[in-house]
Amino acid sequence: MAAHNGVVSPLLRRAKSPEPADRTVTLIGKPGCHLCDQAREVIAKVVGELGSGFEERDITQDPELYRLYAEQIPVTLIDGRQHDFWRVDEKRLRTALLR
């Protein structure tokens, strides 16, 4: 039974999604990448509106990131999980941060 006397079991409660200001977007790219420049503009706009954090990682400075993402840059992560690669869709990014 899910509820007893109007109380929902903690096992059945959904965790509250973090607020956009508590989320971090990471852009993985490299210098001289025009798609990375375009992605940076979209990300900066969205995180600026929502108050989310934004960081960048350079694959030329990190062998593991290079191994994982060299063929996909720019790669966008939200809270460390891959969200997108090659292009950043403004609406899709905003929606993901608001979930």
Protein backbone atom coordinates (compact mmCIF):
# COMPACT_ATOMS: atom_id res chain seq x y z
CA MET A 1 0.00 0.00 0.00
CA ALA A 2 1.53 3.35 -1.06
CA ALA A 3 -0.05 5.53 1.60
CA HIS A 4 -1.19 4.78 5.10
CA ASN A 5 -3.18 7.39 6.96
CA GLY A 6 -2.33 9.90 4.23
CA VAL A 7 1.44 9.46 4.63
CA VAL A 8 3.48 8.51 1.57
CA SER A 9 6.28 6.05 2.14
CA PRO A 10 9.74 7.66 1.81
CA LEU A 11 10.54 4.89 -0.66
CA LEU A 12 7.88 6.18 -3.03
CA ARG A 13 8.68 9.89 -2.81
CA ARG A 14 10.41 11.43 -5.78
CA ALA A 15 13.54 13.35 -5.04
CA LYS A 16 13.12 17.05 -5.62
CA SER A 17 14.95 18.22 -8.71
CA PRO A 18 17.71 20.71 -8.03
CA GLU A 19 17.02 24.35 -8.78
CA PRO A 20 18.74 25.70 -11.93
CA ALA A 21 21.06 27.78 -9.70
CA ASP A 22 22.26 24.53 -8.07
CA ARG A 23 23.21 22.96 -11.42
CA THR A 24 26.47 23.20 -13.35
CA VAL A 25 26.95 23.09 -17.11
CA THR A 26 30.35 21.97 -18.35
CA LEU A 27 31.54 22.67 -21.87
CA ILE A 28 34.24 20.29 -23.08
CA GLY A 29 36.07 21.65 -26.09
CA LYS A 30 39.39 22.97 -27.32
CA PRO A 31 40.88 26.23 -28.57
CA GLY A 32 40.16 27.09 -32.20
CA CYS A 33 36.94 25.05 -32.33
CA HIS A 34 34.24 27.17 -33.99
CA LEU A 35 31.46 24.84 -32.80
CA CYS A 36 32.81 25.27 -29.26
CA ASP A 37 32.58 29.04 -29.66
CA GLN A 38 28.96 28.74 -30.79
CA ALA A 39 28.15 26.36 -27.92
CA ARG A 40 29.78 28.74 -25.41
CA GLU A 41 27.51 31.59 -26.56
CA VAL A 42 24.34 29.51 -26.16
CA ILE A 43 25.40 28.11 -22.79
CA ALA A 44 26.42 31.54 -21.46
CA LYS A 45 23.03 32.96 -22.44
CA VAL A 46 21.02 30.16 -20.81
CA VAL A 47 23.04 29.90 -17.59
CA GLY A 48 23.04 33.69 -17.34
CA GLU A 49 19.24 33.71 -17.43
CA LEU A 50 18.81 30.77 -15.03
CA GLY A 51 21.72 31.40 -12.66
CA SER A 52 23.34 28.00 -13.25
CA GLY A 53 27.07 27.45 -12.94
CA PHE A 54 29.26 27.23 -16.01
CA GLU A 55 32.73 25.77 -16.44
CA GLU A 56 34.92 24.81 -19.37
CA ARG A 57 37.34 21.93 -19.82
CA ASP A 58 39.97 21.76 -22.57
CA ILE A 59 40.53 18.31 -24.06
CA THR A 60 44.05 19.26 -25.11
CA GLN A 61 44.95 19.60 -21.43
CA ASP A 62 43.38 16.34 -20.22
CA PRO A 63 44.28 13.00 -21.87
CA GLU A 64 41.22 11.23 -20.42
CA LEU A 65 38.81 13.87 -21.75
CA TYR A 66 40.59 13.71 -25.10
CA ARG A 67 40.19 9.92 -25.21
CA LEU A 68 36.49 10.14 -24.32
CA TYR A 69 35.36 13.14 -26.35
CA ALA A 70 37.84 14.04 -29.13
CA GLU A 71 35.39 13.11 -31.89
CA GLN A 72 32.35 14.72 -30.26
CA ILE A 73 33.41 18.22 -29.20
CA PRO A 74 31.89 20.40 -28.15
CA VAL A 75 30.35 18.19 -25.47
CA THR A 76 27.93 19.60 -22.91
CA LEU A 77 27.55 18.04 -19.47
CA ILE A 78 24.94 18.92 -16.86
CA ASP A 79 26.06 18.07 -13.35
CA GLY A 80 28.70 15.75 -14.79
CA ARG A 81 26.35 13.80 -17.06
CA GLN A 82 26.52 14.11 -20.84
CA HIS A 83 23.70 16.21 -22.20
CA ASP A 84 24.69 16.92 -25.80
CA PHE A 85 27.52 17.03 -28.32
CA TRP A 86 28.42 18.94 -31.50
CA ARG A 87 25.65 21.52 -31.16
CA VAL A 88 23.84 23.02 -28.19
CA ASP A 89 20.13 23.61 -28.60
CA GLU A 90 19.10 26.56 -26.44
CA LYS A 91 15.57 25.30 -25.75
CA ARG A 92 16.72 21.76 -24.94
CA LEU A 93 19.43 23.01 -22.56
CA ARG A 94 17.01 25.35 -20.78
CA THR A 95 14.44 22.56 -20.41
CA ALA A 96 17.04 20.17 -18.98
CA LEU A 97 18.19 22.74 -16.42
CA LEU A 98 14.63 23.42 -15.31
CA ARG A 99 13.79 19.72 -14.74
